[in-house]
């Protein structure tokens, strides 16, 4: 097993080690793809956004969440009550996008989907990635999952960072997020305990496949 590095971003100059490492990837020559993995509520989106902003135009952010299946399709499949589980995403579609991003067309941008949390729906073609952007940052739960249609994803990423956070803090943040987007508090907590935490246990099984474990401030 390759050596795993650790980045502690809880200090005063919190982002500097992470930004320096991401910048080295961006300066490696050919386009690189950096994955930010971790369980729901760990801070993946926040870290990925921070890094993209810090690299000032040299990185594009393409979250995995754009490959959520639409609500109508989840209803048809009988999976709406498990939204966020591995089989509620288009994993082969995500892998296909990563392949395109790794080998960009020299002229045309790649358009990636986004996920609108207010609508709770994916939005096609929302994220343009220009051909000359040297680093793509992608974040999501299942980047290190080695089962089923997710298995090819790890091999399409040059590095994967796993975001670690105290479980109590993570669960509290998840409940607050669901409430912020309109769910009643009791429903939000029940959803987190039943659905999000089941997904978290699955995600945590891939931790040892990461190149870096990142500790964020709580």
Protein backbone atom coordinates (compact mmCIF):
# COMPACT_ATOMS: atom_id res chain seq x y z
CA UNK A 1 0.00 0.00 0.00
CA UNK A 2 1.44 3.46 -0.91
CA UNK A 3 2.40 5.83 1.88
CA UNK A 4 -0.44 8.07 3.03
CA UNK A 5 0.26 11.72 3.81
CA UNK A 6 -1.60 13.85 6.36
CA UNK A 7 -2.56 17.52 6.09
CA UNK A 8 -3.71 19.24 9.27
CA UNK A 9 -5.55 22.39 8.21
CA UNK A 10 -6.71 23.41 11.67
CA UNK A 11 -3.91 25.92 12.38
CA UNK A 12 -3.55 29.62 11.73
CA UNK A 13 -2.18 29.25 8.19
CA UNK A 14 -4.74 26.54 7.60
CA UNK A 15 -4.95 26.32 3.83
CA UNK A 16 -1.31 26.88 2.93
CA UNK A 17 -0.14 23.21 2.89
CA UNK A 18 -3.18 22.14 0.86
CA UNK A 19 -2.88 25.04 -1.58
CA UNK A 20 0.83 24.36 -2.10
CA UNK A 21 0.19 20.69 -2.84
CA UNK A 22 -2.66 21.46 -5.25
CA UNK A 23 -0.53 24.07 -6.99
CA UNK A 24 2.21 21.50 -7.58
CA UNK A 25 -0.36 19.30 -9.32
CA UNK A 26 -1.49 22.25 -11.45
CA UNK A 27 2.13 22.88 -12.49
CA UNK A 28 2.91 19.26 -13.38
CA UNK A 29 2.51 19.73 -17.13
CA UNK A 30 -0.40 17.74 -18.54
CA UNK A 31 -3.81 18.25 -16.99
CA UNK A 32 -4.26 16.65 -13.59
CA UNK A 33 -7.44 15.66 -11.75
CA UNK A 34 -7.57 15.98 -7.96
CA UNK A 35 -10.32 14.17 -6.06
CA UNK A 36 -11.63 15.27 -2.66
CA UNK A 37 -13.46 12.37 -0.98
CA UNK A 38 -15.04 11.79 2.41
CA UNK A 39 -18.35 11.07 4.13
CA UNK A 40 -21.38 13.38 3.92
CA UNK A 41 -20.89 16.59 5.84
CA UNK A 42 -17.12 16.26 6.23
CA UNK A 43 -16.34 19.51 4.39
CA UNK A 44 -15.42 18.23 0.92
CA UNK A 45 -17.27 20.98 -0.93
CA UNK A 46 -15.80 23.70 1.26
CA UNK A 47 -12.22 22.45 0.82
CA UNK A 48 -12.63 22.00 -2.94
CA UNK A 49 -14.06 25.51 -3.31
CA UNK A 50 -11.27 27.01 -1.19
CA UNK A 51 -8.63 25.32 -3.32
CA UNK A 52 -10.21 26.38 -6.62
CA UNK A 53 -10.43 29.99 -5.42
CA UNK A 54 -6.85 29.97 -4.09
CA UNK A 55 -5.49 28.77 -7.45
CA UNK A 56 -7.07 31.81 -9.16
CA UNK A 57 -8.18 30.46 -12.51
CA UNK A 58 -5.74 27.55 -12.69
CA UNK A 59 -8.33 25.06 -11.38
CA UNK A 60 -11.90 24.16 -12.31
CA UNK A 61 -14.31 22.66 -9.80
CA UNK A 62 -16.53 19.76 -10.99
CA UNK A 63 -18.47 18.11 -8.13
CA UNK A 64 -19.66 14.53 -8.39
CA UNK A 65 -23.12 15.64 -7.23
CA UNK A 66 -24.03 16.75 -10.75
CA UNK A 67 -24.51 13.05 -11.47
CA UNK A 68 -27.40 12.61 -9.04
CA UNK A 69 -30.27 10.89 -10.83
CA UNK A 70 -33.25 13.18 -11.33
CA UNK A 71 -36.10 12.95 -8.83
CA UNK A 72 -38.46 11.47 -11.42
CA UNK A 73 -35.99 8.68 -12.19
CA UNK A 74 -35.43 7.97 -8.49
CA UNK A 75 -39.19 7.69 -8.08
CA UNK A 76 -39.41 5.31 -11.05
CA UNK A 77 -36.64 3.14 -9.61
CA UNK A 78 -38.09 3.20 -6.09
CA UNK A 79 -34.93 4.81 -4.66
CA UNK A 80 -36.17 8.27 -3.67
CA UNK A 81 -36.01 7.43 0.04
CA UNK A 82 -32.30 6.55 -0.36
CA UNK A 83 -31.19 9.62 -2.30
CA UNK A 84 -27.42 9.95 -1.89
CA UNK A 85 -26.72 6.20 -1.85
CA UNK A 86 -24.26 4.87 -4.46
CA UNK A 87 -26.98 3.58 -6.78
CA UNK A 88 -28.76 6.96 -6.90
CA UNK A 89 -26.01 8.44 -9.10
CA UNK A 90 -25.00 7.89 -12.71
CA UNK A 91 -21.59 6.47 -11.83
CA UNK A 92 -20.66 5.37 -15.40
CA UNK A 93 -21.55 8.87 -16.62
CA UNK A 94 -19.29 10.40 -14.01
CA UNK A 95 -16.41 8.11 -14.97
CA UNK A 96 -16.94 9.01 -18.64
CA UNK A 97 -16.73 12.70 -17.78
CA UNK A 98 -13.48 12.15 -15.87
CA UNK A 99 -12.00 10.46 -18.93
CA UNK A 100 -12.92 13.48 -21.06
CA UNK A 101 -11.47 15.85 -18.49
CA UNK A 102 -8.20 13.93 -18.35
CA UNK A 103 -7.77 14.21 -22.11
CA UNK A 104 -9.27 17.59 -23.01
CA UNK A 105 -10.19 18.73 -26.48
CA UNK A 106 -7.63 21.44 -27.38
CA UNK A 107 -10.34 23.81 -28.63
CA UNK A 108 -13.71 23.12 -27.03
CA UNK A 109 -14.62 23.26 -23.34
CA UNK A 110 -16.10 20.31 -21.52
CA UNK A 111 -19.51 21.07 -20.01
CA UNK A 112 -20.20 19.26 -16.74
CA UNK A 113 -23.46 19.04 -14.80
CA UNK A 114 -24.02 20.73 -11.43
CA UNK A 115 -26.43 19.95 -8.59
CA UNK A 116 -28.84 22.67 -7.48
CA UNK A 117 -29.54 22.13 -3.78
CA UNK A 118 -32.46 24.55 -3.81
CA UNK A 119 -34.15 22.51 -6.56
CA UNK A 120 -32.71 19.18 -5.35
CA UNK A 121 -32.04 18.38 -9.01
CA UNK A 122 -29.01 18.06 -11.33
CA UNK A 123 -28.57 20.77 -13.97
CA UNK A 124 -26.93 19.71 -17.24
CA UNK A 125 -24.14 21.71 -18.88
CA UNK A 126 -23.77 24.15 -15.98
CA UNK A 127 -19.99 23.97 -15.42
CA UNK A 128 -17.67 24.81 -18.34
CA UNK A 129 -14.10 23.54 -18.10
CA UNK A 130 -11.81 25.36 -20.53
CA UNK A 131 -9.15 23.32 -22.37
CA UNK A 132 -6.25 25.31 -20.87
CA UNK A 133 -7.18 24.82 -17.20
CA UNK A 134 -4.35 22.68 -15.79
CA UNK A 135 -6.16 21.22 -12.76
CA UNK A 136 -9.66 19.86 -12.31
CA UNK A 137 -10.87 19.43 -8.74
CA UNK A 138 -13.72 17.01 -8.23
CA UNK A 139 -15.34 16.14 -4.92
CA UNK A 140 -17.85 13.58 -3.75
CA UNK A 141 -18.63 10.67 -1.47
CA UNK A 142 -17.72 7.69 -3.63
CA UNK A 143 -14.41 8.56 -5.29
CA UNK A 144 -12.64 5.81 -3.32
CA UNK A 145 -15.37 3.16 -3.57
CA UNK A 146 -13.98 0.04 -5.22
CA UNK A 147 -17.27 -1.76 -5.92
CA UNK A 148 -19.61 -1.88 -8.91
CA UNK A 149 -19.67 1.02 -11.38
CA UNK A 150 -17.67 3.22 -8.99
CA UNK A 151 -14.58 1.01 -9.20
CA UNK A 152 -12.99 2.77 -12.24
CA UNK A 153 -13.15 6.23 -10.64
CA UNK A 154 -10.08 5.93 -8.39
CA UNK A 155 -7.86 5.10 -11.37
CA UNK A 156 -8.99 8.27 -13.18
CA UNK A 157 -7.76 10.58 -10.40
CA UNK A 158 -4.14 11.64 -10.05
CA UNK A 159 -4.52 12.20 -6.31
CA UNK A 160 -7.37 11.68 -3.86
CA UNK A 161 -7.60 13.49 -0.54
CA UNK A 162 -9.86 12.07 2.15
CA UNK A 163 -11.47 14.66 4.44
CA UNK A 164 -11.70 13.52 8.06
CA UNK A 165 -13.91 15.26 10.61
CA UNK A 166 -15.18 14.45 14.08
CA UNK A 167 -18.42 12.41 13.55
CA UNK A 168 -20.45 14.46 16.03
CA UNK A 169 -19.53 17.70 14.28
CA UNK A 170 -20.20 16.15 10.88
CA UNK A 171 -23.67 14.90 11.87
CA UNK A 172 -24.59 18.26 13.38
CA UNK A 173 -23.56 20.03 10.18
CA UNK A 174 -25.60 17.61 8.08
CA UNK A 175 -28.73 18.20 10.13
CA UNK A 176 -28.22 21.97 9.91
CA UNK A 177 -27.76 21.72 6.14
CA UNK A 178 -30.98 19.77 5.63
CA UNK A 179 -32.88 22.27 7.81
CA UNK A 180 -31.38 25.16 5.85
CA UNK A 181 -32.78 23.67 2.65
CA UNK A 182 -36.28 23.31 4.03
CA UNK A 183 -36.54 20.03 5.96
CA UNK A 184 -38.14 20.12 9.44
CA UNK A 185 -35.53 19.49 12.19
CA UNK A 186 -36.96 16.13 13.31
CA UNK A 187 -37.18 14.90 9.72
CA UNK A 188 -33.64 16.17 9.01
CA UNK A 189 -32.16 14.29 11.98
CA UNK A 190 -34.03 11.09 11.07
CA UNK A 191 -32.79 11.33 7.47
CA UNK A 192 -29.20 11.83 8.60
CA UNK A 193 -29.30 8.88 10.99
CA UNK A 194 -31.00 6.56 8.51
CA UNK A 195 -29.56 7.58 5.13
CA UNK A 196 -26.51 9.84 5.39
CA UNK A 197 -24.83 7.78 8.11
CA UNK A 198 -25.37 4.54 6.20
CA UNK A 199 -23.60 6.18 3.26
CA UNK A 200 -20.86 7.50 5.56
CA UNK A 201 -20.02 3.99 6.74
CA UNK A 202 -19.62 2.88 3.14
CA UNK A 203 -17.45 5.87 2.26
CA UNK A 204 -15.16 5.30 5.26
CA UNK A 205 -14.24 1.84 3.94
CA UNK A 206 -12.28 3.54 1.14
CA UNK A 207 -10.19 5.79 3.40
CA UNK A 208 -7.03 3.69 3.06
CA UNK A 209 -7.07 4.14 -0.73
CA UNK A 210 -6.48 7.90 -0.39
CA UNK A 211 -3.14 9.60 -0.99
CA UNK A 212 -3.76 12.22 1.69
CA UNK A 213 -5.95 12.46 4.79
CA UNK A 214 -7.03 16.03 5.51
CA UNK A 215 -8.11 17.28 8.92
CA UNK A 216 -10.33 20.36 8.76
CA UNK A 217 -11.21 22.71 11.62
CA UNK A 218 -14.43 21.82 13.42
